Structure formats: C-alpha cells, structure tokens
C-alpha cells in the first residue's frame, strides 16, 4: 500500500497505510525558510523546504519504495510502499554518514591507475622474487 502527503499551511496530512497529521517544525530564525526531514520506515529520507507558500521536497536517501514528488495539484508527495511509521524532524536535528566522492568519468586520469592486487597475488609475487634470487 502507498501513502500520500498533502500540505495545508504548516501541516502535512498523511493518508494511506498510515493516517496522521504531522506538524512541520518551525525555523529557529523568523522569516527564514524552514527545512525539515521526513524519515519513512522503508529507509527513505525526504528533505523538505517550506518558504512562505512554497513547499519543495527532494529525496535524499532512496529506500525500498518509489517516491513521486507532485506538483501544485494532487498530493505533494506519494510513496509507493507499505509504511509502518513516518516521522518528521527539523533538518538540523539529523545525522548522516558522509558519502565518499565518486570518480569523475570526465577525467579518467584522476581515477586510480590499477586496482590493488589481491593478497594471494602479492604473496605469489614476493615468492617469485625470492626464488629468482637463489
């Protein structure tokens, strides 16, 4: 089953496998945009930005389900997966591991020259050098 999220002012109405209303946490600085994070039980993490009447969503970590971000009509967000729980938090109240930088395919000379030799290959190489010295 899926869930749908509709926004009404500072409230997010969740319907589907879960029926609840979440309150968007207010920004500590008045007048500033409010950033928040939704965490879903399937591992999905969605970042949201509330700036006046405008509300934007972006998937920062994809979980098991498919997340569809809607437009001005219909749900603001639809998530196709059975969800057991959902939680909301101010964006600065979460912690995430840093992602390692990917190699840039546009600059192949920045990639490692050769993959590291496995331990069995290194041992064979050392043994061959020792035997050749005798």
Protein backbone atom coordinates (compact mmCIF):
# COMPACT_ATOMS: atom_id res chain seq x y z
CA UNK A 1 0.00 0.00 0.00
CA UNK A 2 1.17 3.55 -0.56
CA UNK A 3 0.95 6.79 1.38
CA UNK A 4 0.10 10.26 0.13
CA UNK A 5 1.10 13.53 1.76
CA UNK A 6 -0.87 16.74 1.28
CA UNK A 7 0.30 20.06 2.73
CA UNK A 8 -2.03 22.53 4.44
CA UNK A 9 -0.13 25.52 5.88
CA UNK A 10 2.31 24.05 8.46
CA UNK A 11 0.63 20.65 8.48
CA UNK A 12 1.33 17.52 6.45
CA UNK A 13 -1.71 15.24 6.10
CA UNK A 14 -0.57 11.63 5.64
CA UNK A 15 -3.07 9.11 4.27
CA UNK A 16 -2.88 5.53 3.04
CA UNK A 17 -1.28 2.78 5.10
CA UNK A 18 -0.84 5.45 7.82
CA UNK A 19 -3.40 8.12 8.72
CA UNK A 20 -1.87 11.00 10.66
CA UNK A 21 -1.15 14.73 10.65
CA UNK A 22 2.45 15.92 11.09
CA UNK A 23 3.35 19.46 12.13
CA UNK A 24 6.27 20.98 10.21
CA UNK A 25 8.88 22.18 12.77
CA UNK A 26 9.39 25.95 12.70
CA UNK A 27 12.73 27.51 11.84
CA UNK A 28 14.74 28.96 14.70
CA UNK A 29 15.18 32.17 12.68
CA UNK A 30 11.93 34.01 11.99
CA UNK A 31 11.43 34.90 8.35
CA UNK A 32 13.87 32.23 7.17
CA UNK A 33 12.83 29.22 5.16
CA UNK A 34 12.01 26.16 7.23
CA UNK A 35 13.91 22.97 6.41
CA UNK A 36 12.65 19.64 7.66
CA UNK A 37 13.23 15.94 7.10
CA UNK A 38 10.77 13.07 6.75
CA UNK A 39 12.01 9.57 7.62
CA UNK A 40 9.97 6.58 6.45
CA UNK A 41 10.15 3.03 7.79
CA UNK A 42 11.40 1.61 4.45
CA UNK A 43 14.62 3.65 4.71
CA UNK A 44 13.55 6.64 2.62
CA UNK A 45 14.69 10.08 3.76
CA UNK A 46 12.96 13.09 2.22
CA UNK A 47 14.15 16.66 2.71
CA UNK A 48 11.54 19.40 2.62
CA UNK A 49 11.77 23.19 2.41
CA UNK A 50 8.87 25.44 3.41
CA UNK A 51 9.36 29.00 2.16
CA UNK A 52 6.21 31.04 2.64
CA UNK A 53 3.54 29.40 0.48
CA UNK A 54 6.07 27.31 -1.44
CA UNK A 55 6.90 23.79 -0.25
CA UNK A 56 9.52 21.66 -2.03
CA UNK A 57 10.53 18.05 -1.48
CA UNK A 58 13.64 16.13 -2.52
CA UNK A 59 14.57 12.51 -1.86
CA UNK A 60 17.99 12.46 -0.19
CA UNK A 61 18.11 8.71 0.55
CA UNK A 62 16.07 6.27 -1.53
CA UNK A 63 14.60 3.39 0.43
CA UNK A 64 12.72 0.31 -0.78
CA UNK A 65 9.71 2.21 -2.17
CA UNK A 66 9.23 4.60 -5.06
CA UNK A 67 8.71 8.26 -4.16
CA UNK A 68 6.83 10.58 -6.50
CA UNK A 69 7.01 14.31 -5.87
CA UNK A 70 3.85 16.02 -7.08
CA UNK A 71 3.00 19.41 -8.44
CA UNK A 72 0.56 22.11 -7.34
CA UNK A 73 -2.46 19.78 -7.78
CA UNK A 74 -2.84 16.45 -6.05
CA UNK A 75 -0.58 15.15 -3.31
CA UNK A 76 2.70 16.93 -2.62
CA UNK A 77 4.31 13.52 -2.27
CA UNK A 78 3.28 9.92 -2.93
CA UNK A 79 5.31 6.95 -1.71
CA UNK A 80 4.56 3.50 -3.13
CA UNK A 81 5.45 1.01 -0.42
CA UNK A 82 3.88 -0.33 2.76
CA UNK A 83 4.95 2.08 5.50
CA UNK A 84 4.84 1.16 9.18
CA UNK A 85 5.88 4.54 10.55
CA UNK A 86 6.80 8.07 9.48
CA UNK A 87 8.48 10.82 11.48
CA UNK A 88 9.35 14.46 10.90
CA UNK A 89 12.26 16.47 12.28
CA UNK A 90 13.93 19.81 11.81
CA UNK A 91 16.67 19.33 9.19
CA UNK A 92 19.47 20.34 11.56
CA UNK A 93 18.42 17.62 14.04
CA UNK A 94 19.52 14.63 11.93
CA UNK A 95 22.90 12.99 11.45
CA UNK A 96 24.05 11.18 8.31
CA UNK A 97 27.27 9.50 7.26
CA UNK A 98 29.20 11.36 4.60
CA UNK A 99 29.11 9.79 1.17
CA UNK A 100 32.51 9.17 -0.48
CA UNK A 101 33.10 11.14 -3.65
CA UNK A 102 32.57 9.20 -6.85
CA UNK A 103 35.19 9.05 -9.57
CA UNK A 104 34.63 11.56 -12.32
CA UNK A 105 34.23 9.78 -15.66
CA UNK A 106 35.03 13.02 -17.49
CA UNK A 107 38.56 12.95 -16.08
CA UNK A 108 39.80 9.35 -16.40
CA UNK A 109 43.37 10.26 -15.39
CA UNK A 110 42.02 11.17 -11.92
CA UNK A 111 40.87 7.57 -11.37
CA UNK A 112 43.26 5.08 -9.73
CA UNK A 113 45.71 3.61 -12.24
CA UNK A 114 45.14 -0.07 -11.35
CA UNK A 115 43.05 -1.85 -8.80
CA UNK A 116 45.08 -3.15 -5.87
CA UNK A 117 46.43 -6.67 -6.30
CA UNK A 118 44.69 -9.25 -4.08
CA UNK A 119 46.70 -10.66 -1.17
CA UNK A 120 47.18 -14.03 -2.90
CA UNK A 121 48.70 -12.26 -5.93
CA UNK A 122 51.05 -10.18 -3.74
CA UNK A 123 52.23 -13.34 -1.93
CA UNK A 124 52.88 -15.08 -5.26
CA UNK A 125 54.84 -12.05 -6.49
CA UNK A 126 57.02 -11.98 -3.35
CA UNK A 127 57.64 -15.72 -3.59
CA UNK A 128 58.67 -15.43 -7.27
CA UNK A 129 61.16 -12.66 -6.44
CA UNK A 130 62.67 -14.74 -3.61
CA UNK A 131 63.02 -17.81 -5.82
CA UNK A 132 64.60 -15.80 -8.65
CA UNK A 133 67.31 -14.51 -6.27
CA UNK A 134 68.54 -18.01 -5.45
